[in-house]
Amino acid sequence: MLSEHALALAEFQRLLAKPGVSVLSQKLGSPAPTYIQQLRVPRAKVYVIDAHGPRPATEALVAAIHKRYKQAYLLFVRENFDRKQAFSLLRLGAKGLLSYADTKHQLARALQAVARGGFWVPRELLSSFVDSVLRSGRRRPGSNWSAQLSARETQVLDELLGNMSNKEIAAKLKISERTVKFHVSNVLSKFGVGRRADLIVLCHQQGPQ
């Protein structure tokens, strides 16, 4: 857990004081990017980042984390998220966005979801971001990203990223909707997500930009 505010860190630790949860907290100093780049953050699977600071500092912090721990998941908290702020953080690789007001009841569940590789993002913001990704056309995964899929699953993935329905995929690939549903379930499972929207966001974050 990373924040400039000691009281915020103490409150987050209190909310996560549960069996099986190990919490390391670190108070940040100057928000200057040069300071952040030199910061030695502890290794963790999930980083809960207090993102109320200026964008350059947040970007530098994320870059510092990913430089050392490429597989780390990021959950951001702040007073609130408008579309511009949310989209910016999702492009940086955010798995979770949580307002201060929602941390009391949702932080533990959000942390669990993110630790499993899923997303915890308000539905309206996630839907808007998916729409922006689809409009941009930047939705194709890299070759290594889909290497774990069978040839048919790769075909289904390509159509999923085009936001096609099961019925539309079945017609295009000339297979039954039941078979499409089976392949869709497998694709989502292999990438550790539960929804098509999550898959599109994940592709945008990990695929070529």
Protein backbone atom coordinates (compact mmCIF):
# COMPACT_ATOMS: atom_id res chain seq x y z
CA MET A 1 0.00 0.00 0.00
CA LEU A 2 1.52 3.28 -1.13
CA SER A 3 0.35 6.73 -0.04
CA GLU A 4 1.67 10.12 1.02
CA HIS A 5 -0.72 10.08 3.99
CA ALA A 6 0.08 8.05 7.11
CA LEU A 7 -3.56 8.18 8.27
CA ALA A 8 -4.76 6.72 4.97
CA LEU A 9 -2.24 3.88 5.23
CA ALA A 10 -3.32 3.14 8.80
CA GLU A 11 -6.99 3.04 7.77
CA PHE A 12 -6.32 0.78 4.78
CA GLN A 13 -4.32 -1.58 6.98
CA ARG A 14 -7.18 -1.69 9.49
CA LEU A 15 -9.67 -2.56 6.75
CA LEU A 16 -7.45 -5.39 5.52
CA ALA A 17 -6.60 -6.86 8.92
CA LYS A 18 -7.94 -10.29 8.05
CA PRO A 19 -6.52 -13.83 8.24
CA GLY A 20 -4.50 -14.74 5.17
CA VAL A 21 -3.85 -11.12 4.17
CA SER A 22 -0.31 -9.79 4.46
CA VAL A 23 -0.08 -6.01 4.17
CA LEU A 24 3.06 -3.94 3.64
CA SER A 25 2.60 -0.18 3.70
CA GLN A 26 5.00 2.53 2.65
CA LYS A 27 4.58 6.27 3.06
CA LEU A 28 5.63 8.20 0.00
CA GLY A 29 7.68 11.36 0.25
CA SER A 30 7.97 13.97 -2.46
CA PRO A 31 5.64 13.39 -5.42
CA ALA A 32 8.40 14.45 -7.82
CA PRO A 33 8.97 11.87 -10.58
CA THR A 34 12.73 11.86 -9.89
CA TYR A 35 12.07 10.80 -6.29
CA ILE A 36 9.57 8.15 -7.38
CA GLN A 37 11.99 6.64 -9.90
CA GLN A 38 14.53 6.08 -7.12
CA LEU A 39 11.95 4.69 -4.69
CA ARG A 40 12.51 1.12 -3.52
CA VAL A 41 9.05 -0.39 -3.20
CA PRO A 42 8.59 -3.78 -1.50
CA ARG A 43 7.64 -6.77 -3.64
CA ALA A 44 3.90 -7.51 -3.66
CA LYS A 45 1.31 -9.20 -5.83
CA VAL A 46 -1.09 -6.26 -5.58
CA TYR A 47 -0.27 -2.60 -4.99
CA VAL A 48 -2.96 -0.34 -3.55
CA ILE A 49 -1.98 3.15 -4.66
CA ASP A 50 -3.40 6.39 -3.32
CA ALA A 51 -3.76 8.23 -6.63
CA HIS A 52 -4.82 11.69 -5.48
CA GLY A 53 -1.48 13.22 -6.55
CA PRO A 54 -0.44 14.77 -9.88
CA ARG A 55 -0.51 12.54 -12.96
CA PRO A 56 3.27 12.67 -13.66
CA ALA A 57 3.98 11.34 -10.15
CA THR A 58 1.42 8.54 -10.55
CA GLU A 59 2.85 7.58 -13.95
CA ALA A 60 6.39 7.55 -12.52
CA LEU A 61 5.26 5.38 -9.60
CA VAL A 62 3.57 2.86 -11.91
CA ALA A 63 6.64 2.77 -14.15
CA ALA A 64 8.87 2.16 -11.11
CA ILE A 65 6.68 -0.74 -9.97
CA HIS A 66 6.39 -2.36 -13.38
CA LYS A 67 10.11 -2.01 -14.03
CA ARG A 68 10.82 -4.24 -11.04
CA TYR A 69 7.66 -6.36 -10.82
CA LYS A 70 6.11 -6.74 -14.27
CA GLN A 71 3.36 -9.10 -13.10
CA ALA A 72 2.13 -6.87 -10.26
CA TYR A 73 -1.54 -5.82 -10.18
CA LEU A 74 -2.55 -2.22 -9.46
CA LEU A 75 -5.58 -1.00 -7.51
CA PHE A 76 -5.99 2.78 -7.28
CA VAL A 77 -7.94 4.72 -4.66
CA ARG A 78 -8.83 8.40 -4.65
CA GLU A 79 -11.67 10.76 -3.72
CA ASN A 80 -13.55 9.98 -6.95
CA PHE A 81 -12.90 9.09 -10.58
CA ASP A 82 -14.19 10.99 -13.57
CA ARG A 83 -13.90 9.43 -17.02
CA LYS A 84 -10.65 11.20 -17.87
CA GLN A 85 -8.97 10.07 -14.64
CA ALA A 86 -10.34 6.54 -14.88
CA PHE A 87 -9.33 6.09 -18.54
CA SER A 88 -5.84 7.39 -17.79
CA LEU A 89 -5.35 4.89 -14.96
CA LEU A 90 -6.80 1.99 -16.98
CA ARG A 91 -4.33 2.77 -19.77
CA LEU A 92 -1.57 2.58 -17.16
CA GLY A 93 -2.71 -0.97 -16.37
CA ALA A 94 -5.10 -0.45 -13.45
CA LYS A 95 -7.03 -3.54 -12.36
CA GLY A 96 -9.09 -1.72 -9.76
CA LEU A 97 -10.51 1.77 -9.17
CA LEU A 98 -12.05 2.47 -5.78
CA SER A 99 -13.24 5.74 -4.24
CA TYR A 100 -12.32 6.60 -0.67
CA ALA A 101 -15.99 6.35 0.31
CA ASP A 102 -16.22 2.78 -1.02
CA THR A 103 -13.06 1.47 0.62
CA LYS A 104 -14.81 0.81 3.95
CA HIS A 105 -17.11 -1.84 2.48
CA GLN A 106 -15.36 -2.87 -0.74
CA LEU A 107 -11.58 -2.72 -0.27
CA ALA A 108 -11.15 -6.31 0.93
CA ARG A 109 -13.36 -7.75 -1.84
CA ALA A 110 -11.73 -5.53 -4.47
CA LEU A 111 -8.29 -6.67 -3.35
CA GLN A 112 -9.32 -10.33 -3.62
CA ALA A 113 -10.75 -9.82 -7.12
CA VAL A 114 -7.67 -7.98 -8.34
CA ALA A 115 -5.31 -10.56 -6.76
CA ARG A 116 -7.04 -13.21 -8.90
CA GLY A 117 -6.33 -11.16 -12.02
CA GLY A 118 -9.86 -9.77 -12.34
CA PHE A 119 -11.08 -6.18 -12.49
CA TRP A 120 -12.85 -4.05 -9.89
CA VAL A 121 -14.00 -0.99 -11.81
CA PRO A 122 -17.38 0.79 -11.62
CA ARG A 123 -19.54 -0.70 -14.36
CA GLU A 124 -20.32 2.63 -16.06
CA LEU A 125 -16.65 3.60 -16.27
CA LEU A 126 -15.64 0.15 -17.50
CA SER A 127 -18.34 0.16 -20.19
CA SER A 128 -17.30 3.64 -21.36
CA PHE A 129 -13.67 2.59 -21.53
CA VAL A 130 -14.52 -0.56 -23.51
CA ASP A 131 -16.51 1.57 -25.95
CA SER A 132 -13.50 3.87 -26.41
CA VAL A 133 -11.22 0.86 -27.03
CA LEU A 134 -13.59 -0.59 -29.61
CA ARG A 135 -13.88 2.77 -31.38
CA SER A 136 -10.09 3.14 -31.46
CA GLY A 137 -9.70 -0.20 -33.27
CA ARG A 138 -6.68 -1.05 -31.07
CA ARG A 139 -7.99 -4.35 -29.82
CA ARG A 140 -5.85 -7.07 -31.40
CA PRO A 141 -3.63 -9.07 -29.04
CA GLY A 142 0.01 -9.79 -29.78
CA SER A 143 0.90 -13.27 -31.01
CA ASN A 144 2.39 -14.30 -27.65
CA TRP A 145 -0.66 -13.02 -25.78
CA SER A 146 -2.97 -15.66 -27.28
CA ALA A 147 -0.42 -18.47 -27.58
CA GLN A 148 -2.12 -20.51 -24.87
CA LEU A 149 -5.31 -20.83 -26.93
CA SER A 150 -6.32 -23.48 -29.42
CA ALA A 151 -6.83 -22.47 -33.04
CA ARG A 152 -10.62 -22.34 -32.58
CA GLU A 153 -10.34 -20.41 -29.31
CA THR A 154 -8.10 -17.89 -31.08
CA GLN A 155 -10.80 -17.39 -33.71
CA VAL A 156 -13.43 -16.92 -31.01
CA LEU A 157 -11.16 -14.48 -29.15
CA ASP A 158 -10.74 -12.37 -32.27
CA GLU A 159 -14.52 -12.07 -32.65
CA LEU A 160 -15.00 -11.41 -28.93
CA LEU A 161 -12.61 -8.49 -29.20
CA GLY A 162 -14.82 -7.23 -32.01
CA ASN A 163 -17.70 -7.24 -29.49
CA MET A 164 -19.68 -9.85 -31.43
CA SER A 165 -22.44 -11.84 -29.75
CA ASN A 166 -22.41 -15.62 -29.46
CA LYS A 167 -25.02 -15.81 -32.21
CA GLU A 168 -22.95 -13.61 -34.54
CA ILE A 169 -19.79 -15.62 -33.82
CA ALA A 170 -21.61 -18.89 -34.47
CA ALA A 171 -22.87 -17.65 -37.82
CA LYS A 172 -19.46 -16.35 -38.90
CA LEU A 173 -17.55 -19.47 -37.85
CA LYS A 174 -20.35 -21.84 -38.94
CA ILE A 175 -20.59 -23.58 -35.56
CA SER A 176 -23.40 -23.86 -33.02
CA GLU A 177 -24.07 -21.22 -30.36
CA ARG A 178 -23.56 -23.93 -27.74
CA THR A 179 -20.06 -24.57 -29.08
CA VAL A 180 -19.34 -20.84 -29.11
CA LYS A 181 -20.48 -20.57 -25.50
CA PHE A 182 -18.11 -23.42 -24.58
CA HIS A 183 -15.16 -21.72 -26.28
CA VAL A 184 -16.00 -18.31 -24.80
CA SER A 185 -16.02 -19.83 -21.32
CA ASN A 186 -12.63 -21.42 -21.96
CA VAL A 187 -11.13 -18.19 -23.28
CA LEU A 188 -12.33 -16.16 -20.29
CA SER A 189 -11.07 -18.82 -17.90
CA LYS A 190 -7.62 -18.99 -19.51
CA PHE A 191 -7.19 -15.24 -19.12
CA GLY A 192 -8.58 -15.21 -15.58
CA VAL A 193 -11.51 -12.87 -16.23
CA GLY A 194 -15.24 -13.33 -15.84
CA ARG A 195 -16.69 -10.91 -18.38
CA ARG A 196 -16.17 -9.98 -22.02
CA ALA A 197 -15.61 -6.36 -21.05
CA ASP A 198 -12.78 -7.43 -18.74
CA LEU A 199 -11.20 -9.38 -21.61
CA ILE A 200 -11.29 -6.36 -23.92
CA VAL A 201 -9.67 -4.14 -21.28
CA LEU A 202 -7.03 -6.79 -20.57
CA CYS A 203 -6.23 -7.06 -24.28
CA HIS A 204 -5.90 -3.28 -24.53
CA GLN A 205 -3.53 -3.20 -21.56
CA GLN A 206 -1.33 -6.12 -22.64
CA GLY A 207 -1.56 -6.03 -26.41
CA PRO A 208 0.16 -3.65 -28.83
CA GLN A 209 -0.93 -0.04 -28.42
